[in-house]
Amino acid sequence: MQNRVKVVCIGHTTTDNLIKYDGTCRFESTGGAGVYAASGASYWGSDHDVGLVTRLGSSYNQSCIEHIRGHRAINDAGMVPMDKKGIHLWLLYDADGYRHWVIHHDSCSREEATPVPSEIPEGFKEARGFHFSPLPLYPLAELINTLPEDAWIQVDPHYEWFFPEYREEWERILRRVSVVLPSEDEFTKFFDIPLAFDIDNYKKHMRELSAMGPPIVVLKMGPQGAILYLKDEDVFYSIPSCAEHVVDVTGAGDSFCGSLLYNYVSGDDIITAAIKGMVGSSITLENTSADENFHVAEGVAMERFRRVEASVREKIKIL
């Protein structure tokens, strides 16, 4: 498939083993932030206009790979098999829902599972937008530098590399970035501030993050939705979640990112795109694996958007 793509999602595939505090377990689930982001974009896409760039570990579920390759919205030219096992993770949840990622001892490293610039198909570089799911810091910089200077680039930082000691590297990377989308946990660690919703403190540091380059900062707040900062207007918006039924939170933030990007580069204003991002996230929350996301029927996301749009807009606040 070499159809022209609208958006490109670049990131990892993982095999996830989930253990919740209440004893709920789910093993060998298909995952990976890159795949979840692409699934979020695929809810809205068609005609193979969502490019996925990822390395496929030898142990990744073959049925899922077939579903992705055969999906109406996915262009699979950037899906590259590798001869290593791939990333296998434990996802461990505390009583309050805080999540820990623990890599298996026989897993390949995150660096080994990260695509390299030559694995981005040349045709993908003409896309309207690019989303980078969490990747190791230095390979991320190399991948961004291979894209056109005027590319619209979203970056979701990796929790292991979004810390104050890497600030200089992030300042260089963020000069090229249009939208940065840290979680609240990552954001507070990067600025070494308490993880407690202090809107004045959060706004101060969101402005600081935007000053490094990105005109849009999106702070992912889990069940509370997201906070958007638009530098050109110097305004903050609180966008509420529209989740209806939560089965598993894995990949919900990634699907938000993919949905937001797809709709923004399709012509929606950023608020509408963010609402559609919440719709994409709400669909993922109802599934138990990335594979299930690629079975969502065409039109489901738009139908849900039309149903919830008015109520979500009523709850949006300027902070």
C-alpha atoms as a PDB file:
ATOM      1  CA  MET A   1       0.000   0.000   0.000  1.00  0.00           C
ATOM      2  CA  GLN A   2       1.548   3.285  -1.049  1.00  0.00           C
ATOM      3  CA  ASN A   3      -1.493   5.578  -0.990  1.00  0.00           C
ATOM      4  CA  ARG A   4      -0.751   9.121   0.066  1.00  0.00           C
ATOM      5  CA  VAL A   5      -1.084   9.450   3.819  1.00  0.00           C
ATOM      6  CA  LYS A   6      -2.585  12.304   5.800  1.00  0.00           C
ATOM      7  CA  VAL A   7      -0.954  11.567   9.169  1.00  0.00           C
ATOM      8  CA  VAL A   8       1.921   9.383  10.307  1.00  0.00           C
ATOM      9  CA  CYS A   9       2.168   7.789  13.755  1.00  0.00           C
ATOM     10  CA  ILE A  10       5.642   6.704  14.834  1.00  0.00           C
ATOM     11  CA  GLY A  11       6.237   4.586  17.916  1.00  0.00           C
ATOM     12  CA  HIS A  12       6.567   1.218  19.588  1.00  0.00           C
ATOM     13  CA  THR A  13       4.617  -1.991  19.588  1.00  0.00           C
ATOM     14  CA  THR A  14       4.563  -3.800  22.934  1.00  0.00           C
ATOM     15  CA  THR A  15       3.128  -6.958  24.429  1.00  0.00           C
ATOM     16  CA  ASP A  16       1.476  -5.948  27.700  1.00  0.00           C
ATOM     17  CA  ASN A  17       0.855  -7.942  30.862  1.00  0.00           C
ATOM     18  CA  LEU A  18      -1.474  -6.018  33.166  1.00  0.00           C
ATOM     19  CA  ILE A  19      -2.032  -6.519  36.882  1.00  0.00           C
ATOM     20  CA  LYS A  20      -4.460  -4.238  38.716  1.00  0.00           C
ATOM     21  CA  TYR A  21      -4.487  -3.694  42.469  1.00  0.00           C
ATOM     22  CA  ASP A  22      -7.798  -5.553  42.793  1.00  0.00           C
ATOM     23  CA  GLY A  23      -6.229  -8.668  41.291  1.00  0.00           C
ATOM     24  CA  THR A  24      -7.562  -8.251  37.776  1.00  0.00           C
ATOM     25  CA  CYS A  25      -5.013  -9.610  35.324  1.00  0.00           C
ATOM     26  CA  ARG A  26      -4.682  -9.529  31.566  1.00  0.00           C
ATOM     27  CA  PHE A  27      -1.723 -11.202  29.901  1.00  0.00           C
ATOM     28  CA  GLU A  28      -0.179 -11.047  26.424  1.00  0.00           C
ATOM     29  CA  SER A  29      -2.307  -8.098  25.280  1.00  0.00           C
ATOM     30  CA  THR A  30      -1.355  -6.352  22.065  1.00  0.00           C
ATOM     31  CA  GLY A  31      -0.176  -2.849  22.854  1.00  0.00           C
ATOM     32  CA  GLY A  32       2.315  -0.139  22.120  1.00  0.00           C
ATOM     33  CA  ALA A  33       1.818   3.618  22.126  1.00  0.00           C
ATOM     34  CA  GLY A  34       2.554   3.888  18.406  1.00  0.00           C
ATOM     35  CA  VAL A  35      -0.121   1.339  17.577  1.00  0.00           C
ATOM     36  CA  TYR A  36      -2.645   2.907  19.965  1.00  0.00           C
ATOM     37  CA  ALA A  37      -2.052   6.360  18.440  1.00  0.00           C
ATOM     38  CA  ALA A  38      -2.535   4.955  14.943  1.00  0.00           C
ATOM     39  CA  SER A  39      -5.740   3.260  16.057  1.00  0.00           C
ATOM     40  CA  GLY A  40      -7.025   6.597  17.358  1.00  0.00           C
ATOM     41  CA  ALA A  41      -6.366   8.174  13.972  1.00  0.00           C
ATOM     42  CA  SER A  42      -7.897   5.142  12.223  1.00  0.00           C
ATOM     43  CA  TYR A  43     -11.266   5.726  13.897  1.00  0.00           C
ATOM     44  CA  TRP A  44     -11.623   8.732  11.579  1.00  0.00           C
ATOM     45  CA  GLY A  45      -9.534   7.652   8.603  1.00  0.00           C
ATOM     46  CA  SER A  46     -10.126   5.818   5.356  1.00  0.00           C
ATOM     47  CA  ASP A  47      -8.351   4.854   2.143  1.00  0.00           C
ATOM     48  CA  HIS A  48      -5.128   3.981   3.994  1.00  0.00           C
ATOM     49  CA  ASP A  49      -4.447   7.602   4.934  1.00  0.00           C
ATOM     50  CA  VAL A  50      -2.905   6.812   8.353  1.00  0.00           C
ATOM     51  CA  GLY A  51       0.743   5.783   8.100  1.00  0.00           C
ATOM     52  CA  LEU A  52       2.200   3.646  10.882  1.00  0.00           C
ATOM     53  CA  VAL A  53       5.964   3.482  11.412  1.00  0.00           C
ATOM     54  CA  THR A  54       6.940   0.826  13.931  1.00  0.00           C
ATOM     55  CA  ARG A  55       9.151  -2.210  14.443  1.00  0.00           C
ATOM     56  CA  LEU A  56       7.342  -5.510  14.840  1.00  0.00           C
ATOM     57  CA  GLY A  57       8.921  -7.854  17.335  1.00  0.00           C
ATOM     58  CA  SER A  58       9.033 -11.534  16.367  1.00  0.00           C
ATOM     59  CA  SER A  59       6.679 -12.376  19.254  1.00  0.00           C
ATOM     60  CA  TYR A  60       4.050  -9.721  18.494  1.00  0.00           C
ATOM     61  CA  ASN A  61       0.605 -11.190  17.926  1.00  0.00           C
ATOM     62  CA  GLN A  62       0.394 -12.159  14.244  1.00  0.00           C
ATOM     63  CA  SER A  63      -3.374 -11.899  14.112  1.00  0.00           C
ATOM     64  CA  CYS A  64      -3.157  -8.295  15.311  1.00  0.00           C
ATOM     65  CA  ILE A  65      -0.520  -7.534  12.676  1.00  0.00           C
ATOM     66  CA  GLU A  66      -2.850  -8.902  10.004  1.00  0.00           C
ATOM     67  CA  HIS A  67      -5.731  -6.794  11.307  1.00  0.00           C
ATOM     68  CA  ILE A  68      -3.596  -3.650  11.231  1.00  0.00           C
ATOM     69  CA  ARG A  69      -2.223  -4.338   7.759  1.00  0.00           C
ATOM     70  CA  GLY A  70      -5.711  -5.010   6.428  1.00  0.00           C
ATOM     71  CA  HIS A  71      -7.409  -2.045   8.084  1.00  0.00           C
ATOM     72  CA  ARG A  72      -9.211   0.421   5.828  1.00  0.00           C
ATOM     73  CA  ALA A  73      -7.299   3.417   7.238  1.00  0.00           C
ATOM     74  CA  ILE A  74      -3.778   2.046   7.750  1.00  0.00           C
ATOM     75  CA  ASN A  75      -0.875   2.340   5.338  1.00  0.00           C
ATOM     76  CA  ASP A  76       1.521  -0.386   6.497  1.00  0.00           C
ATOM     77  CA  ALA A  77       4.605   0.611   4.470  1.00  0.00           C
ATOM     78  CA  GLY A  78       6.415   1.659   7.653  1.00  0.00           C
ATOM     79  CA  MET A  79       5.714  -1.535   9.624  1.00  0.00           C
ATOM     80  CA  VAL A  80       9.106  -3.247   9.722  1.00  0.00           C
ATOM     81  CA  PRO A  81       9.631  -6.767  11.116  1.00  0.00           C
ATOM     82  CA  MET A  82      12.691  -7.306  13.284  1.00  0.00           C
ATOM     83  CA  ASP A  83      14.391 -10.509  14.393  1.00  0.00           C
ATOM     84  CA  LYS A  84      14.171  -9.675  18.098  1.00  0.00           C
ATOM     85  CA  LYS A  85      11.389 -10.560  20.505  1.00  0.00           C
ATOM     86  CA  GLY A  86      10.149  -7.004  20.886  1.00  0.00           C
ATOM     87  CA  ILE A  87       9.168  -5.099  24.019  1.00  0.00           C
ATOM     88  CA  HIS A  88       7.300  -7.065  26.693  1.00  0.00           C
ATOM     89  CA  LEU A  89       5.987  -5.097  29.667  1.00  0.00           C
ATOM     90  CA  TRP A  90       4.384  -5.522  33.046  1.00  0.00           C
ATOM     91  CA  LEU A  91       1.778  -2.809  33.664  1.00  0.00           C
ATOM     92  CA  LEU A  92       1.338  -2.681  37.440  1.00  0.00           C
ATOM     93  CA  TYR A  93      -1.340  -0.548  39.107  1.00  0.00           C
ATOM     94  CA  ASP A  94      -1.309   0.905  42.617  1.00  0.00           C
ATOM     95  CA  ALA A  95      -4.516   1.204  44.658  1.00  0.00           C
ATOM     96  CA  ASP A  96      -4.981   4.809  43.509  1.00  0.00           C
ATOM     97  CA  GLY A  97      -4.604   3.845  39.855  1.00  0.00           C
ATOM     98  CA  TYR A  98      -1.002   5.022  39.448  1.00  0.00           C
ATOM     99  CA  ARG A  99       0.681   2.855  36.822  1.00  0.00           C
ATOM    100  CA  HIS A 100       4.199   1.451  36.673  1.00  0.00           C
ATOM    101  CA  TRP A 101       5.861   0.023  33.549  1.00  0.00           C
ATOM    102  CA  VAL A 102       8.401  -2.768  34.113  1.00  0.00           C
ATOM    103  CA  ILE A 103      10.225  -4.219  31.132  1.00  0.00           C
ATOM    104  CA  HIS A 104      10.731  -8.004  31.045  1.00  0.00           C
ATOM    105  CA  HIS A 105      14.289  -9.240  31.553  1.00  0.00           C
ATOM    106  CA  ASP A 106      14.346 -10.964  28.159  1.00  0.00           C
ATOM    107  CA  SER A 107      12.681  -8.112  26.281  1.00  0.00           C
ATOM    108  CA  CYS A 108      14.539  -6.114  23.689  1.00  0.00           C
ATOM    109  CA  SER A 109      15.398  -2.577  24.761  1.00  0.00           C
ATOM    110  CA  ARG A 110      13.290   0.446  23.917  1.00  0.00           C
ATOM    111  CA  GLU A 111      16.144   1.687  21.749  1.00  0.00           C
ATOM    112  CA  GLU A 112      16.249  -1.581  19.782  1.00  0.00           C
ATOM    113  CA  ALA A 113      12.490  -1.370  19.201  1.00  0.00           C
ATOM    114  CA  THR A 114      12.610   2.243  17.999  1.00  0.00           C
ATOM    115  CA  PRO A 115      12.358   2.896  14.246  1.00  0.00           C
ATOM    116  CA  VAL A 116      15.299   4.600  12.543  1.00  0.00           C
ATOM    117  CA  PRO A 117      14.999   7.451  10.001  1.00  0.00           C
ATOM    118  CA  SER A 118      15.526   5.148   7.002  1.00  0.00           C
ATOM    119  CA  GLU A 119      12.396   3.209   8.021  1.00  0.00           C
ATOM    120  CA  ILE A 120      10.139   6.213   7.391  1.00  0.00           C
ATOM    121  CA  PRO A 121       8.942   5.702   3.790  1.00  0.00           C
ATOM    122  CA  GLU A 122       9.730   8.685   1.571  1.00  0.00           C
ATOM    123  CA  GLY A 123       6.067   9.001   0.634  1.00  0.00           C
ATOM    124  CA  PHE A 124       5.152   9.383   4.305  1.00  0.00           C
ATOM    125  CA  LYS A 125       7.226  12.563   4.539  1.00  0.00           C
ATOM    126  CA  GLU A 126       4.566  14.371   2.487  1.00  0.00           C
ATOM    127  CA  ALA A 127       1.963  13.811   5.215  1.00  0.00           C
ATOM    128  CA  ARG A 128       0.147  16.760   6.768  1.00  0.00           C
ATOM    129  CA  GLY A 129       1.069  15.797  10.310  1.00  0.00           C
ATOM    130  CA  PHE A 130       3.295  13.485  12.360  1.00  0.00           C
ATOM    131  CA  HIS A 131       2.751  12.064  15.808  1.00  0.00           C
ATOM    132  CA  PHE A 132       5.660  10.715  17.833  1.00  0.00           C
ATOM    133  CA  SER A 133       4.559   8.382  20.580  1.00  0.00           C
ATOM    134  CA  PRO A 134       6.900   8.070  23.578  1.00  0.00           C
ATOM    135  CA  LEU A 135      10.381   7.145  22.342  1.00  0.00           C
ATOM    136  CA  PRO A 136      13.904   7.294  23.755  1.00  0.00           C
ATOM    137  CA  LEU A 137      15.190  10.862  23.647  1.00  0.00           C
ATOM    138  CA  TYR A 138      18.109  10.697  21.225  1.00  0.00           C
ATOM    139  CA  PRO A 139      16.483   8.470  18.577  1.00  0.00           C
ATOM    140  CA  LEU A 140      13.470  10.801  18.780  1.00  0.00           C
ATOM    141  CA  ALA A 141      15.646  13.776  17.875  1.00  0.00           C
ATOM    142  CA  GLU A 142      17.127  11.908  14.904  1.00  0.00           C
ATOM    143  CA  LEU A 143      13.692  10.947  13.601  1.00  0.00           C
ATOM    144  CA  ILE A 144      12.352  14.493  13.873  1.00  0.00           C
ATOM    145  CA  ASN A 145      15.389  15.870  12.057  1.00  0.00           C
ATOM    146  CA  THR A 146      14.688  13.662   9.045  1.00  0.00           C
ATOM    147  CA  LEU A 147      11.303  15.344   8.441  1.00  0.00           C
ATOM    148  CA  PRO A 148      10.675  18.458   6.323  1.00  0.00           C
ATOM    149  CA  GLU A 149      11.377  21.753   8.097  1.00  0.00           C
ATOM    150  CA  ASP A 150       7.730  22.834   7.836  1.00  0.00           C
ATOM    151  CA  ALA A 151       6.276  19.549   9.111  1.00  0.00           C
ATOM    152  CA  TRP A 152       3.492  19.706  11.708  1.00  0.00           C
ATOM    153  CA  ILE A 153       4.870  17.568  14.523  1.00  0.00           C
ATOM    154  CA  GLN A 154       3.224  16.291  17.703  1.00  0.00           C
ATOM    155  CA  VAL A 155       5.347  14.757  20.472  1.00  0.00           C
ATOM    156  CA  ASP A 156       4.166  12.729  23.443  1.00  0.00           C
ATOM    157  CA  PRO A 157       7.262  12.591  25.707  1.00  0.00           C
ATOM    158  CA  HIS A 158       8.543   9.316  27.128  1.00  0.00           C
ATOM    159  CA  TYR A 159       8.227   9.160  30.906  1.00  0.00           C
ATOM    160  CA  GLU A 160      11.826   7.922  31.300  1.00  0.00           C
ATOM    161  CA  TRP A 161      13.336  10.913  29.495  1.00  0.00           C
ATOM    162  CA  PHE A 162      11.084  13.842  30.438  1.00  0.00           C
ATOM    163  CA  PHE A 163      13.060  15.070  33.444  1.00  0.00           C
ATOM    164  CA  PRO A 164      14.927  18.285  34.337  1.00  0.00           C
ATOM    165  CA  GLU A 165      18.331  16.753  33.590  1.00  0.00           C
ATOM    166  CA  TYR A 166      17.335  16.454  29.926  1.00  0.00           C
ATOM    167  CA  ARG A 167      16.040  20.001  29.609  1.00  0.00           C
ATOM    168  CA  GLU A 168      18.732  21.179  27.173  1.00  0.00           C
ATOM    169  CA  GLU A 169      18.009  18.265  24.847  1.00  0.00           C
ATOM    170  CA  TRP A 170      14.271  18.954  25.031  1.00  0.00           C
ATOM    171  CA  GLU A 171      14.827  22.630  24.254  1.00  0.00           C
ATOM    172  CA  ARG A 172      16.561  21.605  21.021  1.00  0.00           C
ATOM    173  CA  ILE A 173      13.865  19.090  20.114  1.00  0.00           C
ATOM    174  CA  LEU A 174      10.921  21.345  20.924  1.00  0.00           C
ATOM    175  CA  ARG A 175      12.102  24.043  18.510  1.00  0.00           C
ATOM    176  CA  ARG A 176      10.814  21.711  15.763  1.00  0.00           C
ATOM    177  CA  VAL A 177       7.618  20.675  17.539  1.00  0.00           C
ATOM    178  CA  SER A 178       4.130  22.078  16.961  1.00  0.00           C
ATOM    179  CA  VAL A 179       2.268  20.292  19.774  1.00  0.00           C
ATOM    180  CA  VAL A 180       3.683  18.687  22.910  1.00  0.00           C
ATOM    181  CA  LEU A 181       1.389  16.427  24.932  1.00  0.00           C
ATOM    182  CA  PRO A 182       2.808  15.321  28.301  1.00  0.00           C
ATOM    183  CA  SER A 183       0.726  13.594  30.946  1.00  0.00           C
ATOM    184  CA  GLU A 184       0.211  15.440  34.216  1.00  0.00           C
ATOM    185  CA  ASP A 185       2.681  13.085  35.905  1.00  0.00           C
ATOM    186  CA  GLU A 186       5.373  13.688  33.271  1.00  0.00           C
ATOM    187  CA  PHE A 187       4.750  17.441  33.273  1.00  0.00           C
ATOM    188  CA  THR A 188       5.129  17.807  37.029  1.00  0.00           C
ATOM    189  CA  LYS A 189       8.308  15.708  37.053  1.00  0.00           C
ATOM    190  CA  PHE A 190       9.837  17.733  34.224  1.00  0.00           C
ATOM    191  CA  PHE A 191       9.358  20.968  36.164  1.00  0.00           C
ATOM    192  CA  ASP A 192       9.918  19.356  39.578  1.00  0.00           C
ATOM    193  CA  ILE A 193       6.602  20.595  40.958  1.00  0.00           C
ATOM    194  CA  PRO A 194       4.010  18.782  43.093  1.00  0.00           C
ATOM    195  CA  LEU A 195       1.524  16.465  41.429  1.00  0.00           C
ATOM    196  CA  ALA A 196      -1.429  18.433  42.746  1.00  0.00           C
ATOM    197  CA  PHE A 197      -3.788  20.390  40.578  1.00  0.00           C
ATOM    198  CA  ASP A 198      -2.568  23.945  41.131  1.00  0.00           C
ATOM    199  CA  ILE A 199      -3.862  25.706  38.049  1.00  0.00           C
ATOM    200  CA  ASP A 200      -1.809  28.873  38.486  1.00  0.00           C
ATOM    201  CA  ASN A 201       1.399  26.874  38.833  1.00  0.00           C
ATOM    202  CA  TYR A 202       0.439  24.615  35.944  1.00  0.00           C
ATOM    203  CA  LYS A 203      -0.332  27.599  33.697  1.00  0.00           C
ATOM    204  CA  LYS A 204       3.028  29.196  34.493  1.00  0.00           C
ATOM    205  CA  HIS A 205       4.922  26.072  33.459  1.00  0.00           C
ATOM    206  CA  MET A 206       2.760  25.361  30.425  1.00  0.00           C
ATOM    207  CA  ARG A 207       3.718  28.822  29.164  1.00  0.00           C
ATOM    208  CA  GLU A 208       7.353  27.978  29.911  1.00  0.00           C
ATOM    209  CA  LEU A 209       7.078  24.734  27.943  1.00  0.00           C
ATOM    210  CA  SER A 210       5.458  26.538  25.014  1.00  0.00           C
ATOM    211  CA  ALA A 211       8.230  29.145  25.035  1.00  0.00           C
ATOM    212  CA  MET A 212      10.634  26.354  24.074  1.00  0.00           C
ATOM    213  CA  GLY A 213       8.874  26.119  20.705  1.00  0.00           C
ATOM    214  CA  PRO A 214       5.460  24.448  20.531  1.00  0.00           C
ATOM    215  CA  PRO A 215       2.583  26.899  19.913  1.00  0.00           C
ATOM    216  CA  ILE A 216       0.207  24.333  21.455  1.00  0.00           C
ATOM    217  CA  VAL A 217       0.681  22.504  24.747  1.00  0.00           C
ATOM    218  CA  VAL A 218      -1.762  19.764  25.718  1.00  0.00           C
ATOM    219  CA  LEU A 219      -1.623  18.529  29.294  1.00  0.00           C
ATOM    220  CA  LYS A 220      -3.271  15.111  29.467  1.00  0.00           C
ATOM    221  CA  MET A 221      -5.180  14.837  32.761  1.00  0.00           C
ATOM    222  CA  GLY A 222      -6.603  11.310  32.631  1.00  0.00           C
ATOM    223  CA  PRO A 223     -10.246  11.155  33.758  1.00  0.00           C
ATOM    224  CA  GLN A 224     -10.266  14.960  34.088  1.00  0.00           C
ATOM    225  CA  GLY A 225      -9.690  15.346  30.345  1.00  0.00           C
ATOM    226  CA  ALA A 226      -7.022  17.765  29.138  1.00  0.00           C
ATOM    227  CA  ILE A 227      -5.823  21.343  29.416  1.00  0.00           C
ATOM    228  CA  LEU A 228      -4.922  23.111  26.176  1.00  0.00           C
ATOM    229  CA  TYR A 229      -2.660  26.132  26.015  1.00  0.00           C
ATOM    230  CA  LEU A 230      -2.629  28.159  22.807  1.00  0.00           C
ATOM    231  CA  LYS A 231       0.402  30.439  22.767  1.00  0.00           C
ATOM    232  CA  ASP A 232      -0.822  32.759  20.026  1.00  0.00           C
ATOM    233  CA  GLU A 233      -3.950  33.598  22.040  1.00  0.00           C
ATOM    234  CA  ASP A 234      -2.341  33.124  25.468  1.00  0.00           C
ATOM    235  CA  VAL A 235      -5.427  31.211  26.555  1.00  0.00           C
ATOM    236  CA  PHE A 236      -6.030  27.962  28.442  1.00  0.00           C
ATOM    237  CA  TYR A 237      -8.977  25.653  27.827  1.00  0.00           C
ATOM    238  CA  SER A 238     -10.161  22.784  29.995  1.00  0.00           C
ATOM    239  CA  ILE A 239     -11.501  20.007  27.746  1.00  0.00           C
ATOM    240  CA  PRO A 240     -13.541  17.391  29.654  1.00  0.00           C
ATOM    241  CA  SER A 241     -13.472  13.665  29.067  1.00  0.00           C
ATOM    242  CA  CYS A 242     -16.518  12.093  27.432  1.00  0.00           C
ATOM    243  CA  ALA A 243     -15.794   8.549  28.613  1.00  0.00           C
ATOM    244  CA  GLU A 244     -18.935   6.459  28.977  1.00  0.00           C
ATOM    245  CA  HIS A 245     -17.671   3.029  30.041  1.00  0.00           C
ATOM    246  CA  VAL A 246     -14.124   2.318  31.224  1.00  0.00           C
ATOM    247  CA  VAL A 247     -12.770  -1.205  30.779  1.00  0.00           C
ATOM    248  CA  ASP A 248      -9.026  -0.501  30.490  1.00  0.00           C
ATOM    249  CA  VAL A 249      -7.172   2.834  30.411  1.00  0.00           C
ATOM    250  CA  THR A 250      -4.203   1.437  28.460  1.00  0.00           C
ATOM    251  CA  GLY A 251      -3.647   3.417  25.274  1.00  0.00           C
ATOM    252  CA  ALA A 252      -6.434   5.922  25.880  1.00  0.00           C
ATOM    253  CA  GLY A 253      -4.068   8.903  25.946  1.00  0.00           C
ATOM    254  CA  ASP A 254      -2.328   7.665  22.813  1.00  0.00           C
ATOM    255  CA  SER A 255      -5.647   7.317  20.983  1.00  0.00           C
ATOM    256  CA  PHE A 256      -6.508  10.854  22.064  1.00  0.00           C
ATOM    257  CA  CYS A 257      -3.294  12.045  20.429  1.00  0.00           C
ATOM    258  CA  GLY A 258      -3.906  10.203  17.169  1.00  0.00           C
ATOM    259  CA  SER A 259      -7.519  11.361  16.964  1.00  0.00           C
ATOM    260  CA  LEU A 260      -6.602  14.979  17.723  1.00  0.00           C
ATOM    261  CA  LEU A 261      -3.885  15.082  15.063  1.00  0.00           C
ATOM    262  CA  TYR A 262      -5.984  13.452  12.358  1.00  0.00           C
ATOM    263  CA  ASN A 263      -8.857  15.861  12.791  1.00  0.00           C
ATOM    264  CA  TYR A 264      -6.726  18.971  13.241  1.00  0.00           C
ATOM    265  CA  VAL A 265      -4.802  18.441  10.012  1.00  0.00           C
ATOM    266  CA  SER A 266      -8.117  17.593   8.319  1.00  0.00           C
ATOM    267  CA  GLY A 267      -9.246  21.161   8.942  1.00  0.00           C
ATOM    268  CA  ASP A 268     -10.928  21.206  12.338  1.00  0.00           C
ATOM    269  CA  ASP A 269     -10.084  23.995  14.766  1.00  0.00           C
ATOM    270  CA  ILE A 270      -8.036  22.832  17.753  1.00  0.00           C
ATOM    271  CA  ILE A 271     -11.010  22.739  20.154  1.00  0.00           C
ATOM    272  CA  THR A 272     -13.088  20.566  17.831  1.00  0.00           C
ATOM    273  CA  ALA A 273     -10.067  18.344  17.200  1.00  0.00           C
ATOM    274  CA  ALA A 274      -9.552  18.000  20.964  1.00  0.00           C
ATOM    275  CA  ILE A 275     -13.191  16.990  21.467  1.00  0.00           C
ATOM    276  CA  LYS A 276     -12.739  14.356  18.767  1.00  0.00           C
ATOM    277  CA  GLY A 277      -9.574  13.333  20.596  1.00  0.00           C
ATOM    278  CA  MET A 278     -11.694  12.718  23.683  1.00  0.00           C
ATOM    279  CA  VAL A 279     -14.124  10.699  21.590  1.00  0.00           C
ATOM    280  CA  GLY A 280     -11.265   8.558  20.293  1.00  0.00           C
ATOM    281  CA  SER A 281      -9.999   8.086  23.831  1.00  0.00           C
ATOM    282  CA  SER A 282     -13.480   7.080  25.042  1.00  0.00           C
ATOM    283  CA  ILE A 283     -13.683   4.333  22.411  1.00  0.00           C
ATOM    284  CA  THR A 284     -10.283   2.927  23.390  1.00  0.00           C
ATOM    285  CA  LEU A 285     -11.301   2.946  27.062  1.00  0.00           C
ATOM    286  CA  GLU A 286     -14.005   0.406  26.206  1.00  0.00           C
ATOM    287  CA  ASN A 287     -11.508  -2.088  24.725  1.00  0.00           C
ATOM    288  CA  THR A 288      -8.902  -4.374  26.258  1.00  0.00           C
ATOM    289  CA  SER A 289      -6.151  -4.300  23.634  1.00  0.00           C
ATOM    290  CA  ALA A 290      -4.835  -2.439  20.630  1.00  0.00           C
ATOM    291  CA  ASP A 291      -6.098  -5.267  18.442  1.00  0.00           C
ATOM    292  CA  GLU A 292      -9.699  -4.588  19.478  1.00  0.00           C
ATOM    293  CA  ASN A 293      -9.343  -0.971  18.376  1.00  0.00           C
ATOM    294  CA  PHE A 294      -8.816  -2.050  14.788  1.00  0.00           C
ATOM    295  CA  HIS A 295     -12.188  -3.814  14.834  1.00  0.00           C
ATOM    296  CA  VAL A 296     -14.110  -0.605  15.526  1.00  0.00           C
ATOM    297  CA  ALA A 297     -16.542  -0.103  12.666  1.00  0.00           C
ATOM    298  CA  GLU A 298     -16.227   2.830  10.292  1.00  0.00           C
ATOM    299  CA  GLY A 299     -18.345   5.791  11.364  1.00  0.00           C
ATOM    300  CA  VAL A 300     -18.587   4.863  15.061  1.00  0.00           C
ATOM    301  CA  ALA A 301     -16.331   7.738  16.160  1.00  0.00           C
ATOM    302  CA  MET A 302     -18.164  10.364  14.115  1.00  0.00           C
ATOM    303  CA  GLU A 303     -21.525   9.114  15.328  1.00  0.00           C
ATOM    304  CA  ARG A 304     -20.386   9.412  18.946  1.00  0.00           C
ATOM    305  CA  PHE A 305     -18.900  12.864  18.303  1.00  0.00           C
ATOM    306  CA  ARG A 306     -22.225  14.104  16.955  1.00  0.00           C
ATOM    307  CA  ARG A 307     -24.009  12.699  19.994  1.00  0.00           C
ATOM    308  CA  VAL A 308     -21.712  14.195  22.659  1.00  0.00           C
ATOM    309  CA  GLU A 309     -20.386  17.372  21.017  1.00  0.00           C
ATOM    310  CA  ALA A 310     -22.962  19.806  22.427  1.00  0.00           C
ATOM    311  CA  SER A 311     -22.682  18.521  25.997  1.00  0.00           C
ATOM    312  CA  VAL A 312     -18.874  18.535  25.907  1.00  0.00           C
ATOM    313  CA  ARG A 313     -18.753  22.080  24.535  1.00  0.00           C
ATOM    314  CA  GLU A 314     -21.006  23.249  27.362  1.00  0.00           C
ATOM    315  CA  LYS A 315     -18.442  21.948  29.877  1.00  0.00           C
ATOM    316  CA  ILE A 316     -15.365  23.495  28.248  1.00  0.00           C
ATOM    317  CA  LYS A 317     -13.932  26.234  30.421  1.00  0.00           C
ATOM    318  CA  ILE A 318     -11.438  29.024  29.851  1.00  0.00           C
ATOM    319  CA  LEU A 319      -9.023  28.872  32.770  1.00  0.00           C
END
